[in-house]
PDB file of N, CA and C in Angstrom:
ATOM      1  N   MET A   1       0.721  -1.230   0.089  1.00  0.00           N
ATOM      2  CA  MET A   1       0.276  -0.185  -0.269  1.00  0.00           C
ATOM      3  C   MET A   1       0.906   1.007  -0.282  1.00  0.00           C
ATOM      4  N   GLY A   2       0.698   1.840  -0.972  1.00  0.00           N
ATOM      5  CA  GLY A   2       1.365   3.383  -1.501  1.00  0.00           C
ATOM      6  C   GLY A   2       1.334   4.436  -0.771  1.00  0.00           C
ATOM      7  N   PHE A   3       1.853   5.493  -1.045  1.00  0.00           N
ATOM      8  CA  PHE A   3       1.337   6.791  -0.317  1.00  0.00           C
ATOM      9  C   PHE A   3       0.328   7.367  -0.917  1.00  0.00           C
ATOM     10  N   ALA A   4       0.503   6.938  -2.450  1.00  0.00           N
ATOM     11  CA  ALA A   4      -1.308   7.523  -3.249  1.00  0.00           C
ATOM     12  C   ALA A   4      -2.358   6.303  -2.635  1.00  0.00           C
ATOM     13  N   HIS A   5      -2.253   5.396  -1.847  1.00  0.00           N
ATOM     14  CA  HIS A   5      -3.588   4.579  -1.538  1.00  0.00           C
ATOM     15  C   HIS A   5      -3.958   4.913  -0.326  1.00  0.00           C
ATOM     16  N   ILE A   6      -2.878   5.473   0.452  1.00  0.00           N
ATOM     17  CA  ILE A   6      -2.961   6.150   2.039  1.00  0.00           C
ATOM     18  C   ILE A   6      -3.940   7.084   2.051  1.00  0.00           C
ATOM     19  N   MET A   7      -3.447   8.079   1.203  1.00  0.00           N
ATOM     20  CA  MET A   7      -3.601   9.685   1.098  1.00  0.00           C
ATOM     21  C   MET A   7      -5.317   9.382   0.473  1.00  0.00           C
ATOM     22  N   LEU A   8      -5.836   8.513  -0.619  1.00  0.00           N
ATOM     23  CA  LEU A   8      -7.100   8.173  -1.130  1.00  0.00           C
ATOM     24  C   LEU A   8      -7.656   7.878   0.270  1.00  0.00           C
ATOM     25  N   LEU A   9      -7.317   6.688   0.817  1.00  0.00           N
ATOM     26  CA  LEU A   9      -8.180   6.659   2.133  1.00  0.00           C
ATOM     27  C   LEU A   9      -8.745   7.346   2.909  1.00  0.00           C
ATOM     28  N   ILE A  10      -7.279   8.298   3.193  1.00  0.00           N
ATOM     29  CA  ILE A  10      -7.939   9.855   4.315  1.00  0.00           C
ATOM     30  C   ILE A  10      -8.366  10.621   3.514  1.00  0.00           C
ATOM     31  N   MET A  11      -8.787  10.948   2.310  1.00  0.00           N
ATOM     32  CA  MET A  11      -9.126  11.842   1.832  1.00  0.00           C
ATOM     33  C   MET A  11     -10.668  11.479   1.345  1.00  0.00           C
ATOM     34  N   SER A  12     -10.689  10.194   1.254  1.00  0.00           N
ATOM     35  CA  SER A  12     -12.649   9.552   1.367  1.00  0.00           C
ATOM     36  C   SER A  12     -12.896   9.599   2.458  1.00  0.00           C
ATOM     37  N   ILE A  13     -12.538   9.577   3.678  1.00  0.00           N
ATOM     38  CA  ILE A  13     -13.126   9.708   4.874  1.00  0.00           C
ATOM     39  C   ILE A  13     -13.171  11.028   5.455  1.00  0.00           C
ATOM     40  N   VAL A  14     -12.099  12.266   4.897  1.00  0.00           N
ATOM     41  CA  VAL A  14     -12.798  13.623   4.781  1.00  0.00           C
ATOM     42  C   VAL A  14     -13.610  13.668   3.597  1.00  0.00           C
ATOM     43  N   LEU A  15     -14.042  13.468   2.659  1.00  0.00           N
ATOM     44  CA  LEU A  15     -15.361  13.835   1.854  1.00  0.00           C
ATOM     45  C   LEU A  15     -16.332  13.128   2.812  1.00  0.00           C
ATOM     46  N   ILE A  16     -16.638  11.871   3.066  1.00  0.00           N
ATOM     47  CA  ILE A  16     -17.648  11.488   3.466  1.00  0.00           C
ATOM     48  C   ILE A  16     -17.436  12.175   4.909  1.00  0.00           C
ATOM     49  N   THR A  17     -16.817  12.737   5.327  1.00  0.00           N
ATOM     50  CA  THR A  17     -17.430  13.348   6.867  1.00  0.00           C
ATOM     51  C   THR A  17     -17.967  15.140   6.487  1.00  0.00           C
ATOM     52  N   LEU A  18     -17.036  15.726   5.616  1.00  0.00           N
ATOM     53  CA  LEU A  18     -17.852  16.852   5.194  1.00  0.00           C
ATOM     54  C   LEU A  18     -19.063  16.434   4.430  1.00  0.00           C
ATOM     55  N   VAL A  19     -19.192  15.727   3.470  1.00  0.00           N
ATOM     56  CA  VAL A  19     -21.357  15.378   3.376  1.00  0.00           C
ATOM     57  C   VAL A  19     -22.250  14.907   3.947  1.00  0.00           C
ATOM     58  N   ILE A  20     -22.029  14.053   5.300  1.00  0.00           N
ATOM     59  CA  ILE A  20     -22.441  13.781   6.536  1.00  0.00           C
ATOM     60  C   ILE A  20     -23.141  15.630   7.025  1.00  0.00           C
ATOM     61  N   THR A  21     -21.972  16.390   7.173  1.00  0.00           N
ATOM     62  CA  THR A  21     -21.795  17.498   8.017  1.00  0.00           C
ATOM     63  C   THR A  21     -22.775  18.384   7.613  1.00  0.00           C
ATOM     64  N   GLN A  22     -23.201  18.300   6.152  1.00  0.00           N
ATOM     65  CA  GLN A  22     -23.602  19.596   5.431  1.00  0.00           C
ATOM     66  C   GLN A  22     -25.405  19.465   5.808  1.00  0.00           C
ATOM     67  N   SER A  23     -25.970  20.238   5.215  1.00  0.00           N
ATOM     68  CA  SER A  23     -27.379  20.413   5.808  1.00  0.00           C
ATOM     69  C   SER A  23     -28.258  20.390   4.466  1.00  0.00           C
ATOM     70  N   SER A  24     -29.393  19.421   4.505  1.00  0.00           N
ATOM     71  CA  SER A  24     -30.001  18.928   3.719  1.00  0.00           C
ATOM     72  C   SER A  24     -30.778  20.487   3.142  1.00  0.00           C
ATOM     73  N   LYS A  25     -30.566  20.722   1.893  1.00  0.00           N
ATOM     74  CA  LYS A  25     -31.099  21.345   1.080  1.00  0.00           C
ATOM     75  C   LYS A  25     -33.199  21.319   1.066  1.00  0.00           C
ATOM     76  N   ASP A  26     -33.559  20.199   0.908  1.00  0.00           N
ATOM     77  CA  ASP A  26     -35.219  20.377   0.814  1.00  0.00           C
ATOM     78  C   ASP A  26     -35.307  19.105   2.246  1.00  0.00           C
ATOM     79  N   ASP A  27     -36.646  19.233   2.573  1.00  0.00           N
ATOM     80  CA  ASP A  27     -37.435  18.407   3.589  1.00  0.00           C
ATOM     81  C   ASP A  27     -38.068  16.952   2.522  1.00  0.00           C
ATOM     82  N   ILE A  28     -37.406  15.990   3.775  1.00  0.00           N
ATOM     83  CA  ILE A  28     -37.134  14.447   2.837  1.00  0.00           C
ATOM     84  C   ILE A  28     -39.079  14.742   2.512  1.00  0.00           C
ATOM     85  N   GLN A  29     -39.796  14.989   3.408  1.00  0.00           N
ATOM     86  CA  GLN A  29     -41.632  14.867   3.548  1.00  0.00           C
ATOM     87  C   GLN A  29     -42.112  15.247   2.408  1.00  0.00           C
ATOM     88  N   SER A  30     -41.328  16.699   2.042  1.00  0.00           N
ATOM     89  CA  SER A  30     -42.245  17.190   0.536  1.00  0.00           C
ATOM     90  C   SER A  30     -41.342  16.192  -0.297  1.00  0.00           C
ATOM     91  N   ALA A  31     -40.000  15.839  -0.454  1.00  0.00           N
ATOM     92  CA  ALA A  31     -39.480  15.345  -1.791  1.00  0.00           C
ATOM     93  C   ALA A  31     -40.256  13.758  -1.813  1.00  0.00           C
ATOM     94  N   PHE A  32     -40.533  13.094  -1.278  1.00  0.00           N
ATOM     95  CA  PHE A  32     -41.452  12.076  -1.760  1.00  0.00           C
ATOM     96  C   PHE A  32     -42.867  12.261  -1.824  1.00  0.00           C
ATOM     97  N   SER A  33     -43.799  13.307  -1.218  1.00  0.00           N
ATOM     98  CA  SER A  33     -45.102  13.775  -1.482  1.00  0.00           C
ATOM     99  C   SER A  33     -45.518  14.337  -2.539  1.00  0.00           C
ATOM    100  N   GLY A  34     -44.440  14.538  -3.339  1.00  0.00           N
ATOM    101  CA  GLY A  34     -44.836  14.850  -4.718  1.00  0.00           C
ATOM    102  C   GLY A  34     -45.169  16.628  -5.007  1.00  0.00           C
ATOM    103  N   GLU A  35     -44.878  17.248  -4.058  1.00  0.00           N
ATOM    104  CA  GLU A  35     -45.488  18.899  -3.913  1.00  0.00           C
ATOM    105  C   GLU A  35     -43.931  19.184  -4.692  1.00  0.00           C
ATOM    106  N   LYS A  36     -44.392  21.146  -4.523  1.00  0.00           N
ATOM    107  CA  LYS A  36     -43.513  21.413  -4.671  1.00  0.00           C
ATOM    108  C   LYS A  36     -42.180  21.777  -4.277  1.00  0.00           C
ATOM    109  N   SER A  37     -41.069  21.050  -4.982  1.00  0.00           N
ATOM    110  CA  SER A  37     -39.975  20.980  -4.262  1.00  0.00           C
ATOM    111  C   SER A  37     -38.905  22.434  -4.956  1.00  0.00           C
ATOM    112  N   GLU A  38     -38.107  22.657  -3.441  1.00  0.00           N
ATOM    113  CA  GLU A  38     -37.359  23.475  -3.993  1.00  0.00           C
ATOM    114  C   GLU A  38     -35.975  23.163  -3.629  1.00  0.00           C
ATOM    115  N   LEU A  39     -35.736  22.203  -4.314  1.00  0.00           N
ATOM    116  CA  LEU A  39     -34.513  21.782  -4.216  1.00  0.00           C
ATOM    117  C   LEU A  39     -33.268  22.537  -5.255  1.00  0.00           C
ATOM    118  N   PHE A  40     -34.197  22.505  -6.574  1.00  0.00           N
ATOM    119  CA  PHE A  40     -32.815  23.574  -7.253  1.00  0.00           C
ATOM    120  C   PHE A  40     -33.043  24.766  -7.490  1.00  0.00           C
ATOM    121  N   ALA A  41     -33.867  25.364  -6.297  1.00  0.00           N
ATOM    122  CA  ALA A  41     -34.181  26.729  -6.282  1.00  0.00           C
ATOM    123  C   ALA A  41     -32.760  27.566  -6.228  1.00  0.00           C
ATOM    124  N   ASN A  42     -32.988  28.833  -6.575  1.00  0.00           N
ATOM    125  CA  ASN A  42     -31.710  29.341  -6.200  1.00  0.00           C
ATOM    126  C   ASN A  42     -31.449  29.786  -4.739  1.00  0.00           C
ATOM    127  N   GLN A  43     -30.096  29.078  -3.613  1.00  0.00           N
ATOM    128  CA  GLN A  43     -30.590  29.478  -2.902  1.00  0.00           C
ATOM    129  C   GLN A  43     -28.795  30.125  -2.409  1.00  0.00           C
ATOM    130  N   LYS A  44     -29.020  31.088  -1.755  1.00  0.00           N
ATOM    131  CA  LYS A  44     -27.483  31.753  -1.891  1.00  0.00           C
ATOM    132  C   LYS A  44     -26.784  31.754  -0.496  1.00  0.00           C
ATOM    133  N   GLN A  45     -25.488  30.712  -0.406  1.00  0.00           N
ATOM    134  CA  GLN A  45     -25.001  29.630   0.910  1.00  0.00           C
ATOM    135  C   GLN A  45     -24.627  31.303   1.818  1.00  0.00           C
ATOM    136  N   ARG A  46     -24.311  31.292   2.462  1.00  0.00           N
ATOM    137  CA  ARG A  46     -22.915  32.348   3.208  1.00  0.00           C
ATOM    138  C   ARG A  46     -22.378  32.004   4.516  1.00  0.00           C
ATOM    139  N   GLY A  47     -21.677  32.897   4.866  1.00  0.00           N
ATOM    140  CA  GLY A  47     -21.155  31.923   5.794  1.00  0.00           C
ATOM    141  C   GLY A  47     -20.299  30.054   6.167  1.00  0.00           C
ATOM    142  N   PHE A  48     -20.489  29.843   7.009  1.00  0.00           N
ATOM    143  CA  PHE A  48     -19.869  28.598   7.613  1.00  0.00           C
ATOM    144  C   PHE A  48     -20.441  27.644   6.078  1.00  0.00           C
ATOM    145  N   GLU A  49     -21.852  27.774   5.846  1.00  0.00           N
ATOM    146  CA  GLU A  49     -22.288  26.830   4.611  1.00  0.00           C
ATOM    147  C   GLU A  49     -21.226  26.834   3.846  1.00  0.00           C
ATOM    148  N   LEU A  50     -21.185  27.874   2.770  1.00  0.00           N
ATOM    149  CA  LEU A  50     -20.319  27.995   2.232  1.00  0.00           C
ATOM    150  C   LEU A  50     -18.611  27.755   1.770  1.00  0.00           C
ATOM    151  N   PHE A  51     -18.161  27.644   3.126  1.00  0.00           N
ATOM    152  CA  PHE A  51     -17.119  27.609   3.456  1.00  0.00           C
ATOM    153  C   PHE A  51     -17.164  25.889   3.484  1.00  0.00           C
ATOM    154  N   ILE A  52     -17.851  24.892   3.680  1.00  0.00           N
ATOM    155  CA  ILE A  52     -17.793  23.742   3.970  1.00  0.00           C
ATOM    156  C   ILE A  52     -18.373  23.029   2.359  1.00  0.00           C
ATOM    157  N   THR A  53     -19.227  23.758   1.807  1.00  0.00           N
ATOM    158  CA  THR A  53     -19.574  23.895  -0.117  1.00  0.00           C
ATOM    159  C   THR A  53     -18.151  23.736  -0.432  1.00  0.00           C
ATOM    160  N   ARG A  54     -17.278  24.903  -0.342  1.00  0.00           N
ATOM    161  CA  ARG A  54     -16.367  24.766  -1.277  1.00  0.00           C
ATOM    162  C   ARG A  54     -15.071  23.845  -0.612  1.00  0.00           C
ATOM    163  N   LEU A  55     -14.933  23.600   0.850  1.00  0.00           N
ATOM    164  CA  LEU A  55     -14.147  22.466   1.001  1.00  0.00           C
ATOM    165  C   LEU A  55     -14.726  21.137   0.434  1.00  0.00           C
ATOM    166  N   THR A  56     -15.903  21.151   0.364  1.00  0.00           N
ATOM    167  CA  THR A  56     -16.202  19.853   0.180  1.00  0.00           C
ATOM    168  C   THR A  56     -15.838  19.248  -1.366  1.00  0.00           C
ATOM    169  N   LEU A  57     -15.837  20.568  -2.048  1.00  0.00           N
ATOM    170  CA  LEU A  57     -15.611  20.257  -3.618  1.00  0.00           C
ATOM    171  C   LEU A  57     -14.041  20.998  -3.908  1.00  0.00           C
ATOM    172  N   GLY A  58     -13.154  21.286  -2.915  1.00  0.00           N
ATOM    173  CA  GLY A  58     -11.730  20.870  -3.042  1.00  0.00           C
ATOM    174  C   GLY A  58     -11.366  19.520  -2.028  1.00  0.00           C
ATOM    175  N   SER A  59     -12.362  18.855  -1.995  1.00  0.00           N
ATOM    176  CA  SER A  59     -11.553  17.482  -1.318  1.00  0.00           C
ATOM    177  C   SER A  59     -12.325  16.688  -2.618  1.00  0.00           C
ATOM    178  N   ALA A  60     -13.041  16.653  -3.308  1.00  0.00           N
ATOM    179  CA  ALA A  60     -13.233  16.212  -4.276  1.00  0.00           C
ATOM    180  C   ALA A  60     -12.855  15.988  -5.006  1.00  0.00           C
ATOM    181  N   VAL A  61     -12.356  17.224  -5.710  1.00  0.00           N
ATOM    182  CA  VAL A  61     -11.040  17.643  -6.416  1.00  0.00           C
ATOM    183  C   VAL A  61      -9.811  16.664  -6.089  1.00  0.00           C
ATOM    184  N   LEU A  62      -9.325  16.573  -4.790  1.00  0.00           N
ATOM    185  CA  LEU A  62      -8.329  15.979  -4.600  1.00  0.00           C
ATOM    186  C   LEU A  62      -8.726  14.586  -4.203  1.00  0.00           C
ATOM    187  N   PHE A  63      -9.589  14.017  -4.288  1.00  0.00           N
ATOM    188  CA  PHE A  63      -9.757  13.031  -4.335  1.00  0.00           C
ATOM    189  C   PHE A  63      -9.666  12.046  -5.670  1.00  0.00           C
ATOM    190  N   ILE A  64     -10.148  13.004  -6.372  1.00  0.00           N
ATOM    191  CA  ILE A  64      -9.985  12.627  -7.966  1.00  0.00           C
ATOM    192  C   ILE A  64      -8.798  12.246  -8.557  1.00  0.00           C
ATOM    193  N   VAL A  65      -7.894  12.926  -8.064  1.00  0.00           N
ATOM    194  CA  VAL A  65      -6.639  13.393  -8.645  1.00  0.00           C
ATOM    195  C   VAL A  65      -6.099  12.065  -7.638  1.00  0.00           C
ATOM    196  N   PHE A  66      -6.097  11.792  -6.453  1.00  0.00           N
ATOM    197  CA  PHE A  66      -5.024  11.009  -5.825  1.00  0.00           C
ATOM    198  C   PHE A  66      -6.132   9.595  -6.483  1.00  0.00           C
ATOM    199  N   ALA A  67      -6.977   9.798  -6.646  1.00  0.00           N
ATOM    200  CA  ALA A  67      -7.710   8.233  -7.205  1.00  0.00           C
ATOM    201  C   ALA A  67      -7.355   8.251  -8.492  1.00  0.00           C
ATOM    202  N   ILE A  68      -6.774   8.651  -9.393  1.00  0.00           N
ATOM    203  CA  ILE A  68      -6.210   8.581 -10.758  1.00  0.00           C
ATOM    204  C   ILE A  68      -4.758   8.913 -10.295  1.00  0.00           C
ATOM    205  N   TRP A  69      -4.092   9.178  -9.691  1.00  0.00           N
ATOM    206  CA  TRP A  69      -2.406   9.004  -9.472  1.00  0.00           C
ATOM    207  C   TRP A  69      -2.536   7.250  -8.602  1.00  0.00           C
ATOM    208  N   ALA A  70      -3.145   7.119  -7.882  1.00  0.00           N
ATOM    209  CA  ALA A  70      -2.910   5.387  -7.254  1.00  0.00           C
ATOM    210  C   ALA A  70      -3.210   4.398  -8.568  1.00  0.00           C
ATOM    211  N   ILE A  71      -3.945   4.987  -9.540  1.00  0.00           N
ATOM    212  CA  ILE A  71      -3.827   3.239 -10.574  1.00  0.00           C
ATOM    213  C   ILE A  71      -3.142   3.796 -11.556  1.00  0.00           C
ATOM    214  N   LEU A  72      -2.207   4.794 -11.871  1.00  0.00           N
ATOM    215  CA  LEU A  72      -1.354   4.979 -12.645  1.00  0.00           C
ATOM    216  C   LEU A  72      -0.013   3.887 -11.917  1.00  0.00           C
ATOM    217  N   PRO A  73       0.737   3.775 -13.390  1.00  0.00           N
ATOM    218  CA  PRO A  73       1.614   2.406 -12.403  1.00  0.00           C
ATOM    219  C   PRO A  73       3.035   3.135 -12.085  1.00  0.00           C
TER     220      PRO A  73
END
């Protein structure tokens, strides 16, 4: 198990943790009831939510980079 595999494992744990800590954008009850969903509404994120979203995006990019690096010989 090389450095790339270890970093891939660490990045996956970080990415899972960041996704779990994000707040939901839609109520689960309205998602299954067929009511008008505001899931794709233009909602601005501010403060901590914006920071977590950008950190998640950066972690996802790093995860992809390490995944590609891990499969290269």
